[in-house]
C-alpha cells in the first residue's frame, strides 16, 4: 500500500484497501410460499423438501397450510 495524506490527520498515514458494502456477497434470502414474504436465513422457522426441491416457511402454521394444499401456492425459488 502507499502512504497518503488524509484530511484531518497530520502527517502521512499508511492506507490499506477497503471495500464498499455493495462489494460484499448478498445475504441469503428465501420466500415463504404461503405468505409470499421474503425471509432472511435466520428467520426461517420451518423447511420442507418436496419433489426434489425445498421450501422455507416463516412459521410452523405456514408449513402446515402448505402441506394441506400445496397446489394453492405458487412455486418459489425455495432453498436447495
PDB file of N, CA and C in Angstrom:
ATOM      1  N   UNK A   1       0.836  -1.177   0.000  1.00  0.00           N
ATOM      2  CA  UNK A   1       0.000   0.000   0.000  1.00  0.00           C
ATOM      3  C   UNK A   1       0.884   1.245   0.000  1.00  0.00           C
ATOM      4  N   UNK A   2       0.298   2.358  -0.302  1.00  0.00           N
ATOM      5  CA  UNK A   2       1.043   3.607  -0.388  1.00  0.00           C
ATOM      6  C   UNK A   2       0.650   4.533   0.755  1.00  0.00           C
ATOM      7  N   UNK A   3       1.569   5.426   1.092  1.00  0.00           N
ATOM      8  CA  UNK A   3       1.247   6.425   2.107  1.00  0.00           C
ATOM      9  C   UNK A   3       0.485   7.565   1.453  1.00  0.00           C
ATOM     10  N   UNK A   4      -0.536   8.050   2.148  1.00  0.00           N
ATOM     11  CA  UNK A   4      -1.396   9.108   1.635  1.00  0.00           C
ATOM     12  C   UNK A   4      -1.547  10.198   2.678  1.00  0.00           C
ATOM     13  N   UNK A   5      -1.796  11.407   2.230  1.00  0.00           N
ATOM     14  CA  UNK A   5      -2.116  12.499   3.127  1.00  0.00           C
ATOM     15  C   UNK A   5      -3.636  12.581   3.201  1.00  0.00           C
ATOM     16  N   UNK A   6      -4.189  12.435   4.408  1.00  0.00           N
ATOM     17  CA  UNK A   6      -5.633  12.429   4.588  1.00  0.00           C
ATOM     18  C   UNK A   6      -6.098  13.649   5.360  1.00  0.00           C
ATOM     19  N   UNK A   7      -7.215  14.194   4.959  1.00  0.00           N
ATOM     20  CA  UNK A   7      -7.792  15.358   5.611  1.00  0.00           C
ATOM     21  C   UNK A   7      -8.094  15.020   7.067  1.00  0.00           C
ATOM     22  N   UNK A   8      -7.719  15.863   7.980  1.00  0.00           N
ATOM     23  CA  UNK A   8      -7.989  15.670   9.387  1.00  0.00           C
ATOM     24  C   UNK A   8      -6.900  14.918  10.131  1.00  0.00           C
ATOM     25  N   UNK A   9      -5.903  14.394   9.417  1.00  0.00           N
ATOM     26  CA  UNK A   9      -4.787  13.696  10.062  1.00  0.00           C
ATOM     27  C   UNK A   9      -3.499  14.429   9.735  1.00  0.00           C
ATOM     28  N   UNK A  10      -2.649  14.592  10.736  1.00  0.00           N
ATOM     29  CA  UNK A  10      -1.386  15.264  10.470  1.00  0.00           C
ATOM     30  C   UNK A  10      -0.365  14.231  10.014  1.00  0.00           C
ATOM     31  N   UNK A  11       0.449  14.599   9.087  1.00  0.00           N
ATOM     32  CA  UNK A  11       1.483  13.698   8.587  1.00  0.00           C
ATOM     33  C   UNK A  11       0.932  12.668   7.619  1.00  0.00           C
ATOM     34  N   UNK A  12       1.830  11.818   7.132  1.00  0.00           N
ATOM     35  CA  UNK A  12       1.420  10.777   6.199  1.00  0.00           C
ATOM     36  C   UNK A  12       0.968   9.541   6.970  1.00  0.00           C
ATOM     37  N   UNK A  13       0.004   8.842   6.412  1.00  0.00           N
ATOM     38  CA  UNK A  13      -0.576   7.667   7.054  1.00  0.00           C
ATOM     39  C   UNK A  13      -0.611   6.529   6.052  1.00  0.00           C
ATOM     40  N   UNK A  14      -0.256   5.333   6.503  1.00  0.00           N
ATOM     41  CA  UNK A  14      -0.323   4.180   5.620  1.00  0.00           C
ATOM     42  C   UNK A  14      -1.791   3.788   5.441  1.00  0.00           C
ATOM     43  N   UNK A  15      -2.209   3.596   4.186  1.00  0.00           N
ATOM     44  CA  UNK A  15      -3.601   3.302   3.860  1.00  0.00           C
ATOM     45  C   UNK A  15      -3.695   1.869   3.352  1.00  0.00           C
ATOM     46  N   UNK A  16      -4.702   1.162   3.844  1.00  0.00           N
ATOM     47  CA  UNK A  16      -4.966  -0.205   3.410  1.00  0.00           C
ATOM     48  C   UNK A  16      -6.221  -0.211   2.559  1.00  0.00           C
ATOM     49  N   UNK A  17      -6.372  -1.224   1.723  1.00  0.00           N
ATOM     50  CA  UNK A  17      -7.547  -1.328   0.862  1.00  0.00           C
ATOM     51  C   UNK A  17      -8.818  -1.486   1.666  1.00  0.00           C
ATOM     52  N   UNK A  18      -9.889  -0.922   1.168  1.00  0.00           N
ATOM     53  CA  UNK A  18     -11.205  -1.038   1.803  1.00  0.00           C
ATOM     54  C   UNK A  18     -12.219  -1.385   0.729  1.00  0.00           C
ATOM     55  N   UNK A  19     -13.251  -2.072   1.118  1.00  0.00           N
ATOM     56  CA  UNK A  19     -14.301  -2.467   0.199  1.00  0.00           C
ATOM     57  C   UNK A  19     -15.605  -1.799   0.572  1.00  0.00           C
ATOM     58  N   UNK A  20     -16.326  -1.350  -0.428  1.00  0.00           N
ATOM     59  CA  UNK A  20     -17.652  -0.774  -0.182  1.00  0.00           C
ATOM     60  C   UNK A  20     -18.607  -1.894   0.207  1.00  0.00           C
ATOM     61  N   UNK A  21     -19.629  -1.577   0.957  1.00  0.00           N
ATOM     62  CA  UNK A  21     -20.596  -2.574   1.400  1.00  0.00           C
ATOM     63  C   UNK A  21     -21.249  -3.293   0.223  1.00  0.00           C
ATOM     64  N   UNK A  22     -21.383  -2.611  -0.913  1.00  0.00           N
ATOM     65  CA  UNK A  22     -22.005  -3.226  -2.080  1.00  0.00           C
ATOM     66  C   UNK A  22     -21.132  -4.332  -2.671  1.00  0.00           C
ATOM     67  N   UNK A  23     -19.860  -4.378  -2.322  1.00  0.00           N
ATOM     68  CA  UNK A  23     -18.973  -5.406  -2.839  1.00  0.00           C
ATOM     69  C   UNK A  23     -19.099  -6.713  -2.060  1.00  0.00           C
ATOM     70  N   UNK A  24     -19.808  -6.690  -0.947  1.00  0.00           N
ATOM     71  CA  UNK A  24     -19.979  -7.885  -0.134  1.00  0.00           C
ATOM     72  C   UNK A  24     -21.021  -8.797  -0.787  1.00  0.00           C
ATOM     73  N   UNK A  25     -20.905 -10.112  -0.580  1.00  0.00           N
ATOM     74  CA  UNK A  25     -21.898 -11.005  -1.186  1.00  0.00           C
ATOM     75  C   UNK A  25     -23.279 -10.740  -0.610  1.00  0.00           C
ATOM     76  N   UNK A  26     -24.319 -10.904  -1.427  1.00  0.00           N
ATOM     77  CA  UNK A  26     -25.672 -10.650  -0.937  1.00  0.00           C
ATOM     78  C   UNK A  26     -26.076 -11.674   0.115  1.00  0.00           C
ATOM     79  N   UNK A  27     -26.938 -11.264   1.022  1.00  0.00           N
ATOM     80  CA  UNK A  27     -27.427 -12.161   2.062  1.00  0.00           C
ATOM     81  C   UNK A  27     -28.348 -13.209   1.433  1.00  0.00           C
ATOM     82  N   UNK A  28     -28.342 -14.401   1.979  1.00  0.00           N
ATOM     83  CA  UNK A  28     -29.221 -15.458   1.503  1.00  0.00           C
ATOM     84  C   UNK A  28     -30.637 -15.145   1.970  1.00  0.00           C
ATOM     85  N   UNK A  29     -31.576 -15.203   1.042  1.00  0.00           N
ATOM     86  CA  UNK A  29     -32.974 -14.914   1.373  1.00  0.00           C
ATOM     87  C   UNK A  29     -33.867 -15.984   0.766  1.00  0.00           C
ATOM     88  N   UNK A  30     -34.999 -16.196   1.395  1.00  0.00           N
ATOM     89  CA  UNK A  30     -35.975 -17.175   0.956  1.00  0.00           C
ATOM     90  C   UNK A  30     -37.331 -16.502   0.873  1.00  0.00           C
ATOM     91  N   UNK A  31     -38.284 -17.145   0.211  1.00  0.00           N
ATOM     92  CA  UNK A  31     -39.648 -16.625   0.137  1.00  0.00           C
ATOM     93  C   UNK A  31     -40.594 -17.696   0.661  1.00  0.00           C
ATOM     94  N   UNK A  32     -41.387 -17.338   1.658  1.00  0.00           N
ATOM     95  CA  UNK A  32     -42.409 -18.227   2.195  1.00  0.00           C
ATOM     96  C   UNK A  32     -43.510 -18.326   1.132  1.00  0.00           C
ATOM     97  N   UNK A  33     -43.794 -19.528   0.592  1.00  0.00           N
ATOM     98  CA  UNK A  33     -44.791 -19.631  -0.471  1.00  0.00           C
ATOM     99  C   UNK A  33     -46.228 -19.357  -0.004  1.00  0.00           C
ATOM    100  N   UNK A  34     -46.517 -19.480   1.270  1.00  0.00           N
ATOM    101  CA  UNK A  34     -47.861 -19.256   1.782  1.00  0.00           C
ATOM    102  C   UNK A  34     -48.147 -17.765   1.904  1.00  0.00           C
ATOM    103  N   UNK A  35     -47.263 -17.041   2.537  1.00  0.00           N
ATOM    104  CA  UNK A  35     -47.471 -15.596   2.754  1.00  0.00           C
ATOM    105  C   UNK A  35     -46.807 -14.731   1.691  1.00  0.00           C
ATOM    106  N   UNK A  36     -45.872 -15.312   0.944  1.00  0.00           N
ATOM    107  CA  UNK A  36     -45.172 -14.542  -0.081  1.00  0.00           C
ATOM    108  C   UNK A  36     -44.163 -13.567   0.494  1.00  0.00           C
ATOM    109  N   UNK A  37     -43.830 -13.726   1.769  1.00  0.00           N
ATOM    110  CA  UNK A  37     -42.904 -12.786   2.395  1.00  0.00           C
ATOM    111  C   UNK A  37     -41.464 -13.259   2.258  1.00  0.00           C
ATOM    112  N   UNK A  38     -40.579 -12.299   2.101  1.00  0.00           N
ATOM    113  CA  UNK A  38     -39.146 -12.577   1.998  1.00  0.00           C
ATOM    114  C   UNK A  38     -38.579 -12.820   3.387  1.00  0.00           C
ATOM    115  N   UNK A  39     -37.755 -13.865   3.510  1.00  0.00           N
ATOM    116  CA  UNK A  39     -37.171 -14.231   4.796  1.00  0.00           C
ATOM    117  C   UNK A  39     -35.655 -14.252   4.705  1.00  0.00           C
ATOM    118  N   UNK A  40     -34.982 -13.718   5.705  1.00  0.00           N
ATOM    119  CA  UNK A  40     -33.544 -13.922   5.851  1.00  0.00           C
ATOM    120  C   UNK A  40     -33.364 -15.340   6.378  1.00  0.00           C
ATOM    121  N   UNK A  41     -32.196 -15.914   6.183  1.00  0.00           N
ATOM    122  CA  UNK A  41     -31.943 -17.287   6.613  1.00  0.00           C
ATOM    123  C   UNK A  41     -32.279 -17.489   8.089  1.00  0.00           C
ATOM    124  N   UNK A  42     -31.982 -16.512   8.937  1.00  0.00           N
ATOM    125  CA  UNK A  42     -32.232 -16.639  10.378  1.00  0.00           C
ATOM    126  C   UNK A  42     -33.720 -16.616  10.714  1.00  0.00           C
ATOM    127  N   UNK A  43     -34.565 -16.123   9.805  1.00  0.00           N
ATOM    128  CA  UNK A  43     -35.997 -16.023  10.066  1.00  0.00           C
ATOM    129  C   UNK A  43     -36.766 -17.266   9.619  1.00  0.00           C
ATOM    130  N   UNK A  44     -36.096 -18.208   8.974  1.00  0.00           N
ATOM    131  CA  UNK A  44     -36.767 -19.438   8.532  1.00  0.00           C
ATOM    132  C   UNK A  44     -37.054 -20.299   9.751  1.00  0.00           C
ATOM    133  N   UNK A  45     -38.331 -20.599   9.978  1.00  0.00           N
ATOM    134  CA  UNK A  45     -38.740 -21.382  11.148  1.00  0.00           C
ATOM    135  C   UNK A  45     -39.060 -22.832  10.798  1.00  0.00           C
ATOM    136  N   UNK A  46     -39.287 -23.115   9.509  1.00  0.00           N
ATOM    137  CA  UNK A  46     -39.587 -24.485   9.086  1.00  0.00           C
ATOM    138  C   UNK A  46     -39.152 -24.657   7.630  1.00  0.00           C
ATOM    139  N   UNK A  47     -38.765 -25.884   7.287  1.00  0.00           N
ATOM    140  CA  UNK A  47     -38.361 -26.207   5.919  1.00  0.00           C
ATOM    141  C   UNK A  47     -39.021 -27.508   5.508  1.00  0.00           C
ATOM    142  N   UNK A  48     -39.211 -27.651   4.204  1.00  0.00           N
ATOM    143  CA  UNK A  48     -39.834 -28.849   3.673  1.00  0.00           C
ATOM    144  C   UNK A  48     -39.173 -29.193   2.344  1.00  0.00           C
ATOM    145  N   UNK A  49     -38.779 -30.448   2.193  1.00  0.00           N
ATOM    146  CA  UNK A  49     -38.276 -30.937   0.916  1.00  0.00           C
ATOM    147  C   UNK A  49     -39.430 -31.654   0.236  1.00  0.00           C
ATOM    148  N   UNK A  50     -39.776 -31.226  -0.969  1.00  0.00           N
ATOM    149  CA  UNK A  50     -40.917 -31.783  -1.683  1.00  0.00           C
ATOM    150  C   UNK A  50     -40.577 -31.888  -3.163  1.00  0.00           C
ATOM    151  N   UNK A  51     -40.703 -33.089  -3.710  1.00  0.00           N
ATOM    152  CA  UNK A  51     -40.460 -33.322  -5.136  1.00  0.00           C
ATOM    153  C   UNK A  51     -39.094 -32.803  -5.581  1.00  0.00           C
ATOM    154  N   UNK A  52     -38.080 -33.066  -4.784  1.00  0.00           N
ATOM    155  CA  UNK A  52     -36.720 -32.704  -5.154  1.00  0.00           C
ATOM    156  C   UNK A  52     -36.345 -31.243  -4.962  1.00  0.00           C
ATOM    157  N   UNK A  53     -37.194 -30.455  -4.380  1.00  0.00           N
ATOM    158  CA  UNK A  53     -36.871 -29.046  -4.117  1.00  0.00           C
ATOM    159  C   UNK A  53     -37.262 -28.702  -2.691  1.00  0.00           C
ATOM    160  N   UNK A  54     -36.791 -27.574  -2.236  1.00  0.00           N
ATOM    161  CA  UNK A  54     -37.065 -27.178  -0.864  1.00  0.00           C
ATOM    162  C   UNK A  54     -37.917 -25.936  -0.785  1.00  0.00           C
ATOM    163  N   UNK A  55     -38.640 -25.824   0.298  1.00  0.00           N
ATOM    164  CA  UNK A  55     -39.423 -24.628   0.602  1.00  0.00           C
ATOM    165  C   UNK A  55     -39.068 -24.176   2.004  1.00  0.00           C
ATOM    166  N   UNK A  56     -39.121 -22.887   2.234  1.00  0.00           N
ATOM    167  CA  UNK A  56     -38.831 -22.299   3.545  1.00  0.00           C
ATOM    168  C   UNK A  56     -40.070 -21.543   4.014  1.00  0.00           C
ATOM    169  N   UNK A  57     -40.328 -21.622   5.323  1.00  0.00           N
ATOM    170  CA  UNK A  57     -41.543 -21.029   5.885  1.00  0.00           C
ATOM    171  C   UNK A  57     -41.219 -20.158   7.094  1.00  0.00           C
ATOM    172  N   UNK A  58     -42.062 -19.135   7.307  1.00  0.00           N
ATOM    173  CA  UNK A  58     -41.858 -18.216   8.423  1.00  0.00           C
ATOM    174  C   UNK A  58     -42.365 -18.805   9.733  1.00  0.00           C
ATOM    175  N   UNK A  59     -43.206 -19.854   9.655  1.00  0.00           N
ATOM    176  CA  UNK A  59     -43.767 -20.449  10.869  1.00  0.00           C
ATOM    177  C   UNK A  59     -44.218 -21.884  10.596  1.00  0.00           C
ATOM    178  N   UNK A  60     -44.458 -22.623  11.677  1.00  0.00           N
ATOM    179  CA  UNK A  60     -44.998 -23.979  11.563  1.00  0.00           C
ATOM    180  C   UNK A  60     -46.410 -23.927  10.959  1.00  0.00           C
ATOM    181  N   UNK A  61     -47.173 -22.885  11.287  1.00  0.00           N
ATOM    182  CA  UNK A  61     -48.532 -22.745  10.754  1.00  0.00           C
ATOM    183  C   UNK A  61     -48.514 -22.639   9.230  1.00  0.00           C
ATOM    184  N   UNK A  62     -47.576 -21.876   8.679  1.00  0.00           N
ATOM    185  CA  UNK A  62     -47.480 -21.751   7.222  1.00  0.00           C
ATOM    186  C   UNK A  62     -47.063 -23.084   6.598  1.00  0.00           C
ATOM    187  N   UNK A  63     -46.170 -23.791   7.237  1.00  0.00           N
ATOM    188  CA  UNK A  63     -45.772 -25.120   6.755  1.00  0.00           C
ATOM    189  C   UNK A  63     -47.000 -26.040   6.720  1.00  0.00           C
ATOM    190  N   UNK A  64     -47.801 -26.030   7.780  1.00  0.00           N
ATOM    191  CA  UNK A  64     -48.989 -26.887   7.841  1.00  0.00           C
ATOM    192  C   UNK A  64     -50.000 -26.525   6.756  1.00  0.00           C
ATOM    193  N   UNK A  65     -50.213 -25.236   6.521  1.00  0.00           N
ATOM    194  CA  UNK A  65     -51.123 -24.807   5.453  1.00  0.00           C
ATOM    195  C   UNK A  65     -50.645 -25.320   4.103  1.00  0.00           C
ATOM    196  N   UNK A  66     -49.339 -25.195   3.873  1.00  0.00           N
ATOM    197  CA  UNK A  66     -48.763 -25.626   2.604  1.00  0.00           C
ATOM    198  C   UNK A  66     -48.933 -27.130   2.422  1.00  0.00           C
ATOM    199  N   UNK A  67     -48.652 -27.915   3.468  1.00  0.00           N
ATOM    200  CA  UNK A  67     -48.742 -29.376   3.389  1.00  0.00           C
ATOM    201  C   UNK A  67     -50.177 -29.818   3.096  1.00  0.00           C
ATOM    202  N   UNK A  68     -51.157 -29.134   3.669  1.00  0.00           N
ATOM    203  CA  UNK A  68     -52.565 -29.488   3.443  1.00  0.00           C
ATOM    204  C   UNK A  68     -53.008 -29.255   1.996  1.00  0.00           C
ATOM    205  N   UNK A  69     -52.498 -28.196   1.369  1.00  0.00           N
ATOM    206  CA  UNK A  69     -52.918 -27.857  -0.002  1.00  0.00           C
ATOM    207  C   UNK A  69     -51.787 -27.202  -0.786  1.00  0.00           C
ATOM    208  N   UNK A  70     -50.738 -27.940  -1.127  1.00  0.00           N
ATOM    209  CA  UNK A  70     -49.600 -27.322  -1.828  1.00  0.00           C
ATOM    210  C   UNK A  70     -49.968 -26.742  -3.189  1.00  0.00           C
ATOM    211  N   UNK A  71     -51.025 -27.273  -3.812  1.00  0.00           N
ATOM    212  CA  UNK A  71     -51.420 -26.778  -5.133  1.00  0.00           C
ATOM    213  C   UNK A  71     -51.965 -25.345  -5.084  1.00  0.00           C
ATOM    214  N   UNK A  72     -52.341 -24.866  -3.909  1.00  0.00           N
ATOM    215  CA  UNK A  72     -52.856 -23.499  -3.781  1.00  0.00           C
ATOM    216  C   UNK A  72     -51.772 -22.432  -3.849  1.00  0.00           C
ATOM    217  N   UNK A  73     -50.527 -22.841  -3.639  1.00  0.00           N
ATOM    218  CA  UNK A  73     -49.449 -21.864  -3.511  1.00  0.00           C
ATOM    219  C   UNK A  73     -48.488 -21.969  -4.679  1.00  0.00           C
ATOM    220  N   UNK A  74     -48.178 -20.824  -5.276  1.00  0.00           N
ATOM    221  CA  UNK A  74     -47.222 -20.796  -6.382  1.00  0.00           C
ATOM    222  C   UNK A  74     -45.853 -21.264  -5.937  1.00  0.00           C
ATOM    223  N   UNK A  75     -45.109 -21.814  -6.836  1.00  0.00           N
ATOM    224  CA  UNK A  75     -43.754 -22.286  -6.511  1.00  0.00           C
ATOM    225  C   UNK A  75     -42.826 -21.086  -6.429  1.00  0.00           C
ATOM    226  N   UNK A  76     -41.891 -21.150  -5.508  1.00  0.00           N
ATOM    227  CA  UNK A  76     -40.906 -20.075  -5.314  1.00  0.00           C
ATOM    228  C   UNK A  76     -39.528 -20.607  -5.625  1.00  0.00           C
ATOM    229  N   UNK A  77     -38.527 -19.743  -5.522  1.00  0.00           N
ATOM    230  CA  UNK A  77     -37.144 -20.159  -5.728  1.00  0.00           C
ATOM    231  C   UNK A  77     -36.753 -21.202  -4.697  1.00  0.00           C
ATOM    232  N   UNK A  78     -37.336 -21.126  -3.499  1.00  0.00           N
ATOM    233  CA  UNK A  78     -37.060 -22.102  -2.452  1.00  0.00           C
ATOM    234  C   UNK A  78     -35.611 -22.159  -2.049  1.00  0.00           C
ATOM    235  N   UNK A  79     -35.230 -23.219  -1.398  1.00  0.00           N
ATOM    236  CA  UNK A  79     -33.852 -23.437  -0.985  1.00  0.00           C
ATOM    237  C   UNK A  79     -33.440 -24.791  -1.501  1.00  0.00           C
ATOM    238  N   UNK A  80     -32.178 -24.942  -1.733  1.00  0.00           N
ATOM    239  CA  UNK A  80     -31.658 -26.215  -2.272  1.00  0.00           C
ATOM    240  C   UNK A  80     -30.732 -26.853  -1.287  1.00  0.00           C
TER     241      UNK A  80
END
